[in-house]
Amino acid sequence: MLRLSQIWQSWRRLPLWVMIWVVLILVPINLASLLFVAQPF
């Protein structure tokens, strides 16, 4: 059975710089691409 706590614990075991990179840079910049769907490409 899936336990979300396992996923959370795995997330917390990542290095701090990886968590910061993912949350503050990687995910936001890739999601921001949705703001430009009307542009060429």
Full PDB file with SEQRES, HELIX, SHEET, SSBOND, CRYST1, ORIGX, SCALE, CONECT and MASTER records, all heavy atoms in Angstrom:
SEQRES   1 A   41  MET LEU ARG LEU SER GLN ILE TRP GLN SER TRP ARG ARG          
SEQRES   2 A   41  LEU PRO LEU TRP VAL MET ILE TRP VAL VAL LEU ILE LEU          
SEQRES   3 A   41  VAL PRO ILE ASN LEU ALA SER LEU LEU PHE VAL ALA GLN          
SEQRES   4 A   41  PRO PHE                                                      
HELIX    1 AA1 LEU A    4  ARG A   13  1                                  10    
HELIX    2 AA2 LEU A   16  ILE A   20  1                                   5    
HELIX    3 AA3 TRP A   21  LEU A   26  3                                   6    
HELIX    4 AA4 VAL A   27  LEU A   31  1                                   5    
HELIX    5 AA5 ALA A   32  PHE A   36  5                                   5    
CRYST1    1.000    1.000    1.000  90.00  90.00  90.00 P 1           1          
ORIGX1      1.000000  0.000000  0.000000        0.00000                         
ORIGX2      0.000000  1.000000  0.000000        0.00000                         
ORIGX3      0.000000  0.000000  1.000000        0.00000                         
SCALE1      1.000000  0.000000  0.000000        0.00000                         
SCALE2      0.000000  1.000000  0.000000        0.00000                         
SCALE3      0.000000  0.000000  1.000000        0.00000                         
ATOM      1  N   MET A   1       0.839  -1.188   0.000  1.00  0.00           N  
ATOM      2  CA  MET A   1       0.000   0.000   0.000  1.00  0.00           C  
ATOM      3  C   MET A   1       0.884   1.252   0.000  1.00  0.00           C  
ATOM      4  O   MET A   1       1.870   1.336   0.728  1.00  0.00           O  
ATOM      5  CB  MET A   1      -0.888  -0.009   1.245  1.00  0.00           C  
ATOM      6  CG  MET A   1      -1.815   1.173   1.314  1.00  0.00           C  
ATOM      7  SD  MET A   1      -2.996   0.947   2.652  1.00  0.00           S  
ATOM      8  CE  MET A   1      -2.784   2.474   3.486  1.00  0.00           C  
ATOM      9  N   LEU A   2       0.511   2.183  -0.847  1.00  0.00           N  
ATOM     10  CA  LEU A   2       1.268   3.428  -0.954  1.00  0.00           C  
ATOM     11  C   LEU A   2       1.049   4.284   0.277  1.00  0.00           C  
ATOM     12  O   LEU A   2      -0.077   4.502   0.710  1.00  0.00           O  
ATOM     13  CB  LEU A   2       0.830   4.207  -2.196  1.00  0.00           C  
ATOM     14  CG  LEU A   2       1.431   5.596  -2.334  1.00  0.00           C  
ATOM     15  CD1 LEU A   2       2.925   5.491  -2.582  1.00  0.00           C  
ATOM     16  CD2 LEU A   2       0.748   6.346  -3.444  1.00  0.00           C  
ATOM     17  N   ARG A   3       2.140   4.740   0.816  1.00  0.00           N  
ATOM     18  CA  ARG A   3       2.058   5.669   1.933  1.00  0.00           C  
ATOM     19  C   ARG A   3       2.733   6.955   1.516  1.00  0.00           C  
ATOM     20  O   ARG A   3       3.918   6.956   1.159  1.00  0.00           O  
ATOM     21  CB  ARG A   3       2.724   5.074   3.163  1.00  0.00           C  
ATOM     22  CG  ARG A   3       1.925   3.892   3.697  1.00  0.00           C  
ATOM     23  CD  ARG A   3       2.424   3.322   4.993  1.00  0.00           C  
ATOM     24  NE  ARG A   3       3.143   4.271   5.816  1.00  0.00           N  
ATOM     25  CZ  ARG A   3       4.187   3.955   6.569  1.00  0.00           C  
ATOM     26  NH1 ARG A   3       4.620   2.718   6.594  1.00  0.00           N  
ATOM     27  NH2 ARG A   3       4.794   4.858   7.312  1.00  0.00           N  
ATOM     28  N   LEU A   4       1.988   8.041   1.534  1.00  0.00           N  
ATOM     29  CA  LEU A   4       2.543   9.332   1.161  1.00  0.00           C  
ATOM     30  C   LEU A   4       3.700   9.713   2.067  1.00  0.00           C  
ATOM     31  O   LEU A   4       4.600  10.446   1.653  1.00  0.00           O  
ATOM     32  CB  LEU A   4       1.464  10.408   1.169  1.00  0.00           C  
ATOM     33  CG  LEU A   4       0.396  10.261   0.086  1.00  0.00           C  
ATOM     34  CD1 LEU A   4      -0.633  11.370   0.209  1.00  0.00           C  
ATOM     35  CD2 LEU A   4       1.016  10.254  -1.291  1.00  0.00           C  
ATOM     36  N   SER A   5       3.690   9.190   3.277  1.00  0.00           N  
ATOM     37  CA  SER A   5       4.792   9.493   4.185  1.00  0.00           C  
ATOM     38  C   SER A   5       6.119   8.952   3.645  1.00  0.00           C  
ATOM     39  O   SER A   5       7.168   9.556   3.867  1.00  0.00           O  
ATOM     40  CB  SER A   5       4.515   8.949   5.582  1.00  0.00           C  
ATOM     41  OG  SER A   5       4.447   7.544   5.572  1.00  0.00           O  
ATOM     42  N   GLN A   6       6.077   7.826   2.912  1.00  0.00           N  
ATOM     43  CA  GLN A   6       7.300   7.299   2.313  1.00  0.00           C  
ATOM     44  C   GLN A   6       7.865   8.278   1.287  1.00  0.00           C  
ATOM     45  O   GLN A   6       9.073   8.496   1.216  1.00  0.00           O  
ATOM     46  CB  GLN A   6       7.032   5.961   1.620  1.00  0.00           C  
ATOM     47  CG  GLN A   6       6.725   4.826   2.565  1.00  0.00           C  
ATOM     48  CD  GLN A   6       6.299   3.602   1.791  1.00  0.00           C  
ATOM     49  OE1 GLN A   6       5.345   3.635   1.019  1.00  0.00           O  
ATOM     50  NE2 GLN A   6       7.023   2.513   2.001  1.00  0.00           N  
ATOM     51  N   ILE A   7       6.988   8.847   0.491  1.00  0.00           N  
ATOM     52  CA  ILE A   7       7.410   9.807  -0.527  1.00  0.00           C  
ATOM     53  C   ILE A   7       7.950  11.062   0.148  1.00  0.00           C  
ATOM     54  O   ILE A   7       8.994  11.590  -0.245  1.00  0.00           O  
ATOM     55  CB  ILE A   7       6.251  10.120  -1.490  1.00  0.00           C  
ATOM     56  CG1 ILE A   7       5.898   8.853  -2.276  1.00  0.00           C  
ATOM     57  CG2 ILE A   7       6.600  11.278  -2.419  1.00  0.00           C  
ATOM     58  CD1 ILE A   7       4.631   8.942  -3.079  1.00  0.00           C  
ATOM     59  N   TRP A   8       7.249  11.538   1.168  1.00  0.00           N  
ATOM     60  CA  TRP A   8       7.702  12.723   1.888  1.00  0.00           C  
ATOM     61  C   TRP A   8       9.070  12.478   2.522  1.00  0.00           C  
ATOM     62  O   TRP A   8       9.968  13.325   2.454  1.00  0.00           O  
ATOM     63  CB  TRP A   8       6.676  13.142   2.938  1.00  0.00           C  
ATOM     64  CG  TRP A   8       7.129  14.303   3.768  1.00  0.00           C  
ATOM     65  CD1 TRP A   8       7.498  14.286   5.077  1.00  0.00           C  
ATOM     66  CD2 TRP A   8       7.301  15.653   3.330  1.00  0.00           C  
ATOM     67  NE1 TRP A   8       7.877  15.539   5.481  1.00  0.00           N  
ATOM     68  CE2 TRP A   8       7.763  16.401   4.424  1.00  0.00           C  
ATOM     69  CE3 TRP A   8       7.103  16.307   2.110  1.00  0.00           C  
ATOM     70  CZ2 TRP A   8       8.045  17.758   4.348  1.00  0.00           C  
ATOM     71  CZ3 TRP A   8       7.375  17.668   2.036  1.00  0.00           C  
ATOM     72  CH2 TRP A   8       7.835  18.380   3.149  1.00  0.00           C  
ATOM     73  N   GLN A   9       9.247  11.321   3.136  1.00  0.00           N  
ATOM     74  CA  GLN A   9      10.537  11.000   3.759  1.00  0.00           C  
ATOM     75  C   GLN A   9      11.647  10.927   2.712  1.00  0.00           C  
ATOM     76  O   GLN A   9      12.770  11.376   2.959  1.00  0.00           O  
ATOM     77  CB  GLN A   9      10.434   9.694   4.547  1.00  0.00           C  
ATOM     78  CG  GLN A   9       9.591   9.818   5.793  1.00  0.00           C  
ATOM     79  CD  GLN A   9       9.209   8.471   6.377  1.00  0.00           C  
ATOM     80  OE1 GLN A   9       9.614   7.424   5.879  1.00  0.00           O  
ATOM     81  NE2 GLN A   9       8.412   8.502   7.437  1.00  0.00           N  
ATOM     82  N   SER A  10      11.340  10.381   1.549  1.00  0.00           N  
ATOM     83  CA  SER A  10      12.313  10.328   0.467  1.00  0.00           C  
ATOM     84  C   SER A  10      12.688  11.737   0.019  1.00  0.00           C  
ATOM     85  O   SER A  10      13.870  12.047  -0.182  1.00  0.00           O  
ATOM     86  CB  SER A  10      11.746   9.528  -0.710  1.00  0.00           C  
ATOM     87  OG  SER A  10      12.634   9.521  -1.792  1.00  0.00           O  
ATOM     88  N   TRP A  11      11.689  12.595  -0.131  1.00  0.00           N  
ATOM     89  CA  TRP A  11      11.931  13.998  -0.500  1.00  0.00           C  
ATOM     90  C   TRP A  11      12.865  14.660   0.508  1.00  0.00           C  
ATOM     91  O   TRP A  11      13.807  15.335   0.149  1.00  0.00           O  
ATOM     92  CB  TRP A  11      10.604  14.736  -0.599  1.00  0.00           C  
ATOM     93  CG  TRP A  11      10.729  16.223  -0.653  1.00  0.00           C  
ATOM     94  CD1 TRP A  11      10.471  17.104   0.343  1.00  0.00           C  
ATOM     95  CD2 TRP A  11      11.173  17.015  -1.767  1.00  0.00           C  
ATOM     96  NE1 TRP A  11      10.715  18.391  -0.082  1.00  0.00           N  
ATOM     97  CE2 TRP A  11      11.137  18.361  -1.371  1.00  0.00           C  
ATOM     98  CE3 TRP A  11      11.592  16.701  -3.063  1.00  0.00           C  
ATOM     99  CZ2 TRP A  11      11.517  19.401  -2.218  1.00  0.00           C  
ATOM    100  CZ3 TRP A  11      11.959  17.749  -3.903  1.00  0.00           C  
ATOM    101  CH2 TRP A  11      11.918  19.080  -3.480  1.00  0.00           C  
ATOM    102  N   ARG A  12      12.596  14.445   1.788  1.00  0.00           N  
ATOM    103  CA  ARG A  12      13.386  15.082   2.852  1.00  0.00           C  
ATOM    104  C   ARG A  12      14.826  14.540   2.913  1.00  0.00           C  
ATOM    105  O   ARG A  12      15.698  15.190   3.467  1.00  0.00           O  
ATOM    106  CB  ARG A  12      12.695  14.906   4.205  1.00  0.00           C  
ATOM    107  CG  ARG A  12      11.340  15.597   4.305  1.00  0.00           C  
ATOM    108  CD  ARG A  12      11.431  17.095   4.245  1.00  0.00           C  
ATOM    109  NE  ARG A  12      12.199  17.530   5.401  1.00  0.00           N  
ATOM    110  CZ  ARG A  12      12.897  18.646   5.460  1.00  0.00           C  
ATOM    111  NH1 ARG A  12      12.948  19.454   4.439  1.00  0.00           N  
ATOM    112  NH2 ARG A  12      13.564  18.962   6.540  1.00  0.00           N  
ATOM    113  N   ARG A  13      15.055  13.345   2.365  1.00  0.00           N  
ATOM    114  CA  ARG A  13      16.410  12.789   2.346  1.00  0.00           C  
ATOM    115  C   ARG A  13      17.254  13.342   1.195  1.00  0.00           C  
ATOM    116  O   ARG A  13      18.466  13.137   1.167  1.00  0.00           O  
ATOM    117  CB  ARG A  13      16.362  11.256   2.263  1.00  0.00           C  
ATOM    118  CG  ARG A  13      15.978  10.595   3.588  1.00  0.00           C  
ATOM    119  CD  ARG A  13      16.178   9.089   3.553  1.00  0.00           C  
ATOM    120  NE  ARG A  13      15.330   8.405   2.586  1.00  0.00           N  
ATOM    121  CZ  ARG A  13      14.106   7.947   2.842  1.00  0.00           C  
ATOM    122  NH1 ARG A  13      13.579   8.084   4.048  1.00  0.00           N  
ATOM    123  NH2 ARG A  13      13.424   7.327   1.907  1.00  0.00           N  
ATOM    124  N   LEU A  14      16.620  14.023   0.257  1.00  0.00           N  
ATOM    125  CA  LEU A  14      17.389  14.639  -0.823  1.00  0.00           C  
ATOM    126  C   LEU A  14      18.274  15.745  -0.240  1.00  0.00           C  
ATOM    127  O   LEU A  14      17.905  16.370   0.753  1.00  0.00           O  
ATOM    128  CB  LEU A  14      16.450  15.237  -1.873  1.00  0.00           C  
ATOM    129  CG  LEU A  14      15.635  14.257  -2.709  1.00  0.00           C  
ATOM    130  CD1 LEU A  14      14.599  15.006  -3.537  1.00  0.00           C  
ATOM    131  CD2 LEU A  14      16.531  13.412  -3.591  1.00  0.00           C  
ATOM    132  N   PRO A  15      19.404  16.014  -0.873  1.00  0.00           N  
ATOM    133  CA  PRO A  15      20.224  17.134  -0.405  1.00  0.00           C  
ATOM    134  C   PRO A  15      19.439  18.443  -0.462  1.00  0.00           C  
ATOM    135  O   PRO A  15      18.610  18.637  -1.353  1.00  0.00           O  
ATOM    136  CB  PRO A  15      21.394  17.150  -1.390  1.00  0.00           C  
ATOM    137  CG  PRO A  15      21.436  15.780  -1.974  1.00  0.00           C  
ATOM    138  CD  PRO A  15      20.018  15.291  -1.978  1.00  0.00           C  
ATOM    139  N   LEU A  16      19.718  19.323   0.478  1.00  0.00           N  
ATOM    140  CA  LEU A  16      19.000  20.597   0.545  1.00  0.00           C  
ATOM    141  C   LEU A  16      19.086  21.368  -0.764  1.00  0.00           C  
ATOM    142  O   LEU A  16      18.095  21.924  -1.227  1.00  0.00           O  
ATOM    143  CB  LEU A  16      19.533  21.443   1.703  1.00  0.00           C  
ATOM    144  CG  LEU A  16      18.868  22.812   1.892  1.00  0.00           C  
ATOM    145  CD1 LEU A  16      17.372  22.664   2.149  1.00  0.00           C  
ATOM    146  CD2 LEU A  16      19.551  23.571   3.012  1.00  0.00           C  
ATOM    147  N   TRP A  17      20.261  21.380  -1.392  1.00  0.00           N  
ATOM    148  CA  TRP A  17      20.403  22.134  -2.636  1.00  0.00           C  
ATOM    149  C   TRP A  17      19.503  21.565  -3.727  1.00  0.00           C  
ATOM    150  O   TRP A  17      19.004  22.316  -4.568  1.00  0.00           O  
ATOM    151  CB  TRP A  17      21.870  22.206  -3.090  1.00  0.00           C  
ATOM    152  CG  TRP A  17      22.434  20.927  -3.626  1.00  0.00           C  
ATOM    153  CD1 TRP A  17      23.113  19.964  -2.946  1.00  0.00           C  
ATOM    154  CD2 TRP A  17      22.371  20.482  -4.987  1.00  0.00           C  
ATOM    155  NE1 TRP A  17      23.469  18.944  -3.785  1.00  0.00           N  
ATOM    156  CE2 TRP A  17      23.027  19.236  -5.046  1.00  0.00           C  
ATOM    157  CE3 TRP A  17      21.818  21.005  -6.152  1.00  0.00           C  
ATOM    158  CZ2 TRP A  17      23.153  18.509  -6.234  1.00  0.00           C  
ATOM    159  CZ3 TRP A  17      21.938  20.278  -7.336  1.00  0.00           C  
ATOM    160  CH2 TRP A  17      22.605  19.048  -7.364  1.00  0.00           C  
ATOM    161  N   VAL A  18      19.273  20.242  -3.726  1.00  0.00           N  
ATOM    162  CA  VAL A  18      18.390  19.627  -4.726  1.00  0.00           C  
ATOM    163  C   VAL A  18      16.944  20.061  -4.475  1.00  0.00           C  
ATOM    164  O   VAL A  18      16.224  20.416  -5.414  1.00  0.00           O  
ATOM    165  CB  VAL A  18      18.508  18.088  -4.714  1.00  0.00           C  
ATOM    166  CG1 VAL A  18      17.463  17.445  -5.621  1.00  0.00           C  
ATOM    167  CG2 VAL A  18      19.913  17.660  -5.125  1.00  0.00           C  
ATOM    168  N   MET A  19      16.530  20.060  -3.213  1.00  0.00           N  
ATOM    169  CA  MET A  19      15.161  20.491  -2.896  1.00  0.00           C  
ATOM    170  C   MET A  19      14.952  21.941  -3.317  1.00  0.00           C  
ATOM    171  O   MET A  19      13.916  22.288  -3.900  1.00  0.00           O  
ATOM    172  CB  MET A  19      14.873  20.301  -1.412  1.00  0.00           C  
ATOM    173  CG  MET A  19      14.773  18.846  -0.999  1.00  0.00           C  
ATOM    174  SD  MET A  19      14.195  18.611   0.702  1.00  0.00           S  
ATOM    175  CE  MET A  19      15.657  19.029   1.630  1.00  0.00           C  
ATOM    176  N   ILE A  20      15.918  22.802  -3.032  1.00  0.00           N  
ATOM    177  CA  ILE A  20      15.814  24.217  -3.412  1.00  0.00           C  
ATOM    178  C   ILE A  20      15.783  24.346  -4.927  1.00  0.00           C  
ATOM    179  O   ILE A  20      14.948  25.080  -5.481  1.00  0.00           O  
ATOM    180  CB  ILE A  20      16.978  25.022  -2.797  1.00  0.00           C  
ATOM    181  CG1 ILE A  20      16.800  25.095  -1.283  1.00  0.00           C  
ATOM    182  CG2 ILE A  20      17.067  26.413  -3.416  1.00  0.00           C  
ATOM    183  CD1 ILE A  20      18.007  25.622  -0.540  1.00  0.00           C  
ATOM    184  N   TRP A  21      16.669  23.641  -5.616  1.00  0.00           N  
ATOM    185  CA  TRP A  21      16.724  23.662  -7.073  1.00  0.00           C  
ATOM    186  C   TRP A  21      15.369  23.270  -7.673  1.00  0.00           C  
ATOM    187  O   TRP A  21      14.845  23.955  -8.551  1.00  0.00           O  
ATOM    188  CB  TRP A  21      17.839  22.732  -7.562  1.00  0.00           C  
ATOM    189  CG  TRP A  21      17.819  22.408  -9.021  1.00  0.00           C  
ATOM    190  CD1 TRP A  21      17.368  21.269  -9.610  1.00  0.00           C  
ATOM    191  CD2 TRP A  21      18.282  23.241 -10.096  1.00  0.00           C  
ATOM    192  NE1 TRP A  21      17.524  21.338 -10.966  1.00  0.00           N  
ATOM    193  CE2 TRP A  21      18.080  22.538 -11.287  1.00  0.00           C  
ATOM    194  CE3 TRP A  21      18.853  24.516 -10.139  1.00  0.00           C  
ATOM    195  CZ2 TRP A  21      18.421  23.060 -12.532  1.00  0.00           C  
ATOM    196  CZ3 TRP A  21      19.194  25.040 -11.387  1.00  0.00           C  
ATOM    197  CH2 TRP A  21      18.979  24.318 -12.560  1.00  0.00           C  
ATOM    198  N   VAL A  22      14.790  22.185  -7.185  1.00  0.00           N  
ATOM    199  CA  VAL A  22      13.529  21.679  -7.729  1.00  0.00           C  
ATOM    200  C   VAL A  22      12.380  22.650  -7.454  1.00  0.00           C  
ATOM    201  O   VAL A  22      11.626  23.015  -8.356  1.00  0.00           O  
ATOM    202  CB  VAL A  22      13.216  20.276  -7.169  1.00  0.00           C  
ATOM    203  CG1 VAL A  22      11.795  19.837  -7.509  1.00  0.00           C  
ATOM    204  CG2 VAL A  22      14.226  19.263  -7.697  1.00  0.00           C  
ATOM    205  N   VAL A  23      12.249  23.080  -6.203  1.00  0.00           N  
ATOM    206  CA  VAL A  23      11.086  23.880  -5.800  1.00  0.00           C  
ATOM    207  C   VAL A  23      11.158  25.329  -6.283  1.00  0.00           C  
ATOM    208  O   VAL A  23      10.149  25.892  -6.693  1.00  0.00           O  
ATOM    209  CB  VAL A  23      10.913  23.832  -4.266  1.00  0.00           C  
ATOM    210  CG1 VAL A  23       9.854  24.811  -3.794  1.00  0.00           C  
ATOM    211  CG2 VAL A  23      10.554  22.418  -3.830  1.00  0.00           C  
ATOM    212  N   LEU A  24      12.334  25.909  -6.240  1.00  0.00           N  
ATOM    213  CA  LEU A  24      12.445  27.338  -6.551  1.00  0.00           C  
ATOM    214  C   LEU A  24      12.878  27.639  -7.983  1.00  0.00           C  
ATOM    215  O   LEU A  24      12.692  28.765  -8.452  1.00  0.00           O  
ATOM    216  CB  LEU A  24      13.415  28.020  -5.581  1.00  0.00           C  
ATOM    217  CG  LEU A  24      13.006  28.000  -4.114  1.00  0.00           C  
ATOM    218  CD1 LEU A  24      14.043  28.713  -3.265  1.00  0.00           C  
ATOM    219  CD2 LEU A  24      11.630  28.621  -3.922  1.00  0.00           C  
ATOM    220  N   ILE A  25      13.462  26.656  -8.666  1.00  0.00           N  
ATOM    221  CA  ILE A  25      13.975  26.942 -10.004  1.00  0.00           C  
ATOM    222  C   ILE A  25      13.390  26.001 -11.056  1.00  0.00           C  
ATOM    223  O   ILE A  25      12.714  26.438 -11.986  1.00  0.00           O  
ATOM    224  CB  ILE A  25      15.524  26.880 -10.012  1.00  0.00           C  
ATOM    225  CG1 ILE A  25      16.080  27.934  -9.045  1.00  0.00           C  
ATOM    226  CG2 ILE A  25      16.071  27.083 -11.419  1.00  0.00           C  
ATOM    227  CD1 ILE A  25      17.560  27.826  -8.778  1.00  0.00           C  
ATOM    228  N   LEU A  26      13.646  24.715 -10.953  1.00  0.00           N  
ATOM    229  CA  LEU A  26      13.308  23.765 -12.011  1.00  0.00           C  
ATOM    230  C   LEU A  26      11.812  23.698 -12.308  1.00  0.00           C  
ATOM    231  O   LEU A  26      11.395  23.860 -13.460  1.00  0.00           O  
ATOM    232  CB  LEU A  26      13.850  22.381 -11.653  1.00  0.00           C  
ATOM    233  CG  LEU A  26      13.816  21.345 -12.762  1.00  0.00           C  
ATOM    234  CD1 LEU A  26      14.747  21.749 -13.896  1.00  0.00           C  
ATOM    235  CD2 LEU A  26      14.221  19.983 -12.214  1.00  0.00           C  
ATOM    236  N   VAL A  27      11.019  23.452 -11.296  1.00  0.00           N  
ATOM    237  CA  VAL A  27       9.566  23.338 -11.524  1.00  0.00           C  
ATOM    238  C   VAL A  27       8.952  24.670 -11.955  1.00  0.00           C  
ATOM    239  O   VAL A  27       8.237  24.717 -12.961  1.00  0.00           O  
ATOM    240  CB  VAL A  27       8.859  22.746 -10.281  1.00  0.00           C  
ATOM    241  CG1 VAL A  27       7.351  22.851 -10.412  1.00  0.00           C  
ATOM    242  CG2 VAL A  27       9.280  21.286 -10.076  1.00  0.00           C  
ATOM    243  N   PRO A  28       9.236  25.775 -11.258  1.00  0.00           N  
ATOM    244  CA  PRO A  28       8.604  27.039 -11.691  1.00  0.00           C  
ATOM    245  C   PRO A  28       8.954  27.454 -13.119  1.00  0.00           C  
ATOM    246  O   PRO A  28       8.066  27.879 -13.870  1.00  0.00           O  
ATOM    247  CB  PRO A  28       9.118  28.064 -10.681  1.00  0.00           C  
ATOM    248  CG  PRO A  28       9.468  27.274  -9.472  1.00  0.00           C  
ATOM    249  CD  PRO A  28       9.953  25.950  -9.994  1.00  0.00           C  
ATOM    250  N   ILE A  29      10.208  27.329 -13.526  1.00  0.00           N  
ATOM    251  CA  ILE A  29      10.572  27.788 -14.868  1.00  0.00           C  
ATOM    252  C   ILE A  29       9.943  26.899 -15.933  1.00  0.00           C  
ATOM    253  O   ILE A  29       9.498  27.383 -16.978  1.00  0.00           O  
ATOM    254  CB  ILE A  29      12.104  27.912 -15.059  1.00  0.00           C  
ATOM    255  CG1 ILE A  29      12.425  28.713 -16.326  1.00  0.00           C  
ATOM    256  CG2 ILE A  29      12.767  26.568 -15.141  1.00  0.00           C  
ATOM    257  CD1 ILE A  29      12.093  30.156 -16.245  1.00  0.00           C  
ATOM    258  N   ASN A  30       9.859  25.608 -15.679  1.00  0.00           N  
ATOM    259  CA  ASN A  30       9.226  24.731 -16.660  1.00  0.00           C  
ATOM    260  C   ASN A  30       7.718  24.951 -16.708  1.00  0.00           C  
ATOM    261  O   ASN A  30       7.131  24.942 -17.789  1.00  0.00           O  
ATOM    262  CB  ASN A  30       9.588  23.272 -16.394  1.00  0.00           C  
ATOM    263  CG  ASN A  30      10.948  22.939 -16.956  1.00  0.00           C  
ATOM    264  OD1 ASN A  30      11.101  22.708 -18.144  1.00  0.00           O  
ATOM    265  ND2 ASN A  30      11.961  22.947 -16.099  1.00  0.00           N  
ATOM    266  N   LEU A  31       7.095  25.184 -15.564  1.00  0.00           N  
ATOM    267  CA  LEU A  31       5.655  25.491 -15.561  1.00  0.00           C  
ATOM    268  C   LEU A  31       5.364  26.842 -16.208  1.00  0.00           C  
ATOM    269  O   LEU A  31       4.307  27.025 -16.822  1.00  0.00           O  
ATOM    270  CB  LEU A  31       5.107  25.465 -14.134  1.00  0.00           C  
ATOM    271  CG  LEU A  31       4.899  24.098 -13.506  1.00  0.00           C  
ATOM    272  CD1 LEU A  31       4.403  24.250 -12.067  1.00  0.00           C  
ATOM    273  CD2 LEU A  31       3.931  23.257 -14.318  1.00  0.00           C  
ATOM    274  N   ALA A  32       6.290  27.776 -16.090  1.00  0.00           N  
ATOM    275  CA  ALA A  32       6.098  29.101 -16.690  1.00  0.00           C  
ATOM    276  C   ALA A  32       5.958  29.017 -18.204  1.00  0.00           C  
ATOM    277  O   ALA A  32       5.403  29.933 -18.832  1.00  0.00           O  
ATOM    278  CB  ALA A  32       7.244  30.026 -16.309  1.00  0.00           C  
ATOM    279  N   SER A  33       6.408  27.931 -18.799  1.00  0.00           N  
ATOM    280  CA  SER A  33       6.248  27.768 -20.247  1.00  0.00           C  
ATOM    281  C   SER A  33       4.778  27.809 -20.652  1.00  0.00           C  
ATOM    282  O   SER A  33       4.456  28.178 -21.782  1.00  0.00           O  
ATOM    283  CB  SER A  33       6.903  26.473 -20.707  1.00  0.00           C  
ATOM    284  OG  SER A  33       6.249  25.357 -20.136  1.00  0.00           O  
ATOM    285  N   LEU A  34       3.886  27.465 -19.725  1.00  0.00           N  
ATOM    286  CA  LEU A  34       2.451  27.518 -20.023  1.00  0.00           C  
ATOM    287  C   LEU A  34       1.968  28.941 -20.302  1.00  0.00           C  
ATOM    288  O   LEU A  34       0.935  29.136 -20.941  1.00  0.00           O  
ATOM    289  CB  LEU A  34       1.652  26.908 -18.869  1.00  0.00           C  
ATOM    290  CG  LEU A  34       1.869  25.412 -18.643  1.00  0.00           C  
ATOM    291  CD1 LEU A  34       1.237  24.973 -17.328  1.00  0.00           C  
ATOM    292  CD2 LEU A  34       1.319  24.605 -19.813  1.00  0.00           C  
ATOM    293  N   LEU A  35       2.709  29.926 -19.843  1.00  0.00           N  
ATOM    294  CA  LEU A  35       2.332  31.326 -20.070  1.00  0.00           C  
ATOM    295  C   LEU A  35       2.579  31.761 -21.510  1.00  0.00           C  
ATOM    296  O   LEU A  35       2.107  32.824 -21.922  1.00  0.00           O  
ATOM    297  CB  LEU A  35       3.113  32.242 -19.123  1.00  0.00           C  
ATOM    298  CG  LEU A  35       2.915  32.013 -17.633  1.00  0.00           C  
ATOM    299  CD1 LEU A  35       3.906  32.857 -16.833  1.00  0.00           C  
ATOM    300  CD2 LEU A  35       1.482  32.325 -17.246  1.00  0.00           C  
ATOM    301  N   PHE A  36       3.304  30.952 -22.275  1.00  0.00           N  
ATOM    302  CA  PHE A  36       3.728  31.353 -23.614  1.00  0.00           C  
ATOM    303  C   PHE A  36       3.170  30.460 -24.722  1.00  0.00           C  
ATOM    304  O   PHE A  36       3.711  30.444 -25.825  1.00  0.00           O  
ATOM    305  CB  PHE A  36       5.258  31.357 -23.685  1.00  0.00           C  
ATOM    306  CG  PHE A  36       5.895  32.354 -22.764  1.00  0.00           C  
ATOM    307  CD1 PHE A  36       6.395  31.951 -21.532  1.00  0.00           C  
ATOM    308  CD2 PHE A  36       5.980  33.690 -23.105  1.00  0.00           C  
ATOM    309  CE1 PHE A  36       6.993  32.863 -20.671  1.00  0.00           C  
ATOM    310  CE2 PHE A  36       6.568  34.612 -22.248  1.00  0.00           C  
ATOM    311  CZ  PHE A  36       7.071  34.201 -21.033  1.00  0.00           C  
ATOM    312  N   VAL A  37       2.081  29.764 -24.466  1.00  0.00           N  
ATOM    313  CA  VAL A  37       1.558  28.840 -25.479  1.00  0.00           C  
ATOM    314  C   VAL A  37       1.115  29.554 -26.756  1.00  0.00           C  
ATOM    315  O   VAL A  37       1.077  28.944 -27.825  1.00  0.00           O  
ATOM    316  CB  VAL A  37       0.430  27.940 -24.924  1.00  0.00           C  
ATOM    317  CG1 VAL A  37       0.960  26.988 -23.871  1.00  0.00           C  
ATOM    318  CG2 VAL A  37      -0.728  28.758 -24.421  1.00  0.00           C  
ATOM    319  N   ALA A  38       0.783  30.834 -26.683  1.00  0.00           N  
ATOM    320  CA  ALA A  38       0.351  31.575 -27.872  1.00  0.00           C  
ATOM    321  C   ALA A  38       1.526  32.036 -28.734  1.00  0.00           C  
ATOM    322  O   ALA A  38       1.328  32.511 -29.850  1.00  0.00           O  
ATOM    323  CB  ALA A  38      -0.494  32.776 -27.465  1.00  0.00           C  
ATOM    324  N   GLN A  39       2.741  31.870 -28.236  1.00  0.00           N  
ATOM    325  CA  GLN A  39       3.933  32.288 -28.981  1.00  0.00           C  
ATOM    326  C   GLN A  39       4.323  31.226 -30.013  1.00  0.00           C  
ATOM    327  O   GLN A  39       3.935  30.060 -29.886  1.00  0.00           O  
ATOM    328  CB  GLN A  39       5.102  32.494 -28.008  1.00  0.00           C  
ATOM    329  CG  GLN A  39       4.911  33.615 -27.029  1.00  0.00           C  
ATOM    330  CD  GLN A  39       4.925  34.968 -27.717  1.00  0.00           C  
ATOM    331  OE1 GLN A  39       5.726  35.223 -28.600  1.00  0.00           O  
ATOM    332  NE2 GLN A  39       4.016  35.832 -27.309  1.00  0.00           N  
ATOM    333  N   PRO A  40       5.101  31.608 -31.025  1.00  0.00           N  
ATOM    334  CA  PRO A  40       5.602  30.587 -31.957  1.00  0.00           C  
ATOM    335  C   PRO A  40       6.372  29.515 -31.179  1.00  0.00           C  
ATOM    336  O   PRO A  40       7.168  29.844 -30.296  1.00  0.00           O  
ATOM    337  CB  PRO A  40       6.558  31.376 -32.870  1.00  0.00           C  
ATOM    338  CG  PRO A  40       6.111  32.805 -32.757  1.00  0.00           C  
ATOM    339  CD  PRO A  40       5.559  32.961 -31.366  1.00  0.00           C  
ATOM    340  N   PHE A  41       6.096  28.283 -31.471  1.00  0.00           N  
ATOM    341  CA  PHE A  41       6.690  27.122 -30.792  1.00  0.00           C  
ATOM    342  C   PHE A  41       6.208  26.969 -29.350  1.00  0.00           C  
ATOM    343  O   PHE A  41       6.613  26.033 -28.666  1.00  0.00           O  
ATOM    344  CB  PHE A  41       8.235  27.175 -30.783  1.00  0.00           C  
ATOM    345  CG  PHE A  41       8.865  27.406 -32.108  1.00  0.00           C  
ATOM    346  CD1 PHE A  41       9.357  28.656 -32.448  1.00  0.00           C  
ATOM    347  CD2 PHE A  41       8.967  26.379 -33.034  1.00  0.00           C  
ATOM    348  CE1 PHE A  41       9.940  28.885 -33.679  1.00  0.00           C  
ATOM    349  CE2 PHE A  41       9.552  26.590 -34.265  1.00  0.00           C  
ATOM    350  CZ  PHE A  41      10.042  27.851 -34.594  1.00  0.00           C  
TER     351      PHE A  41                                                      
MASTER        0    0    0    5    0    0    0    6  350    1    0    4          
END                                                                             
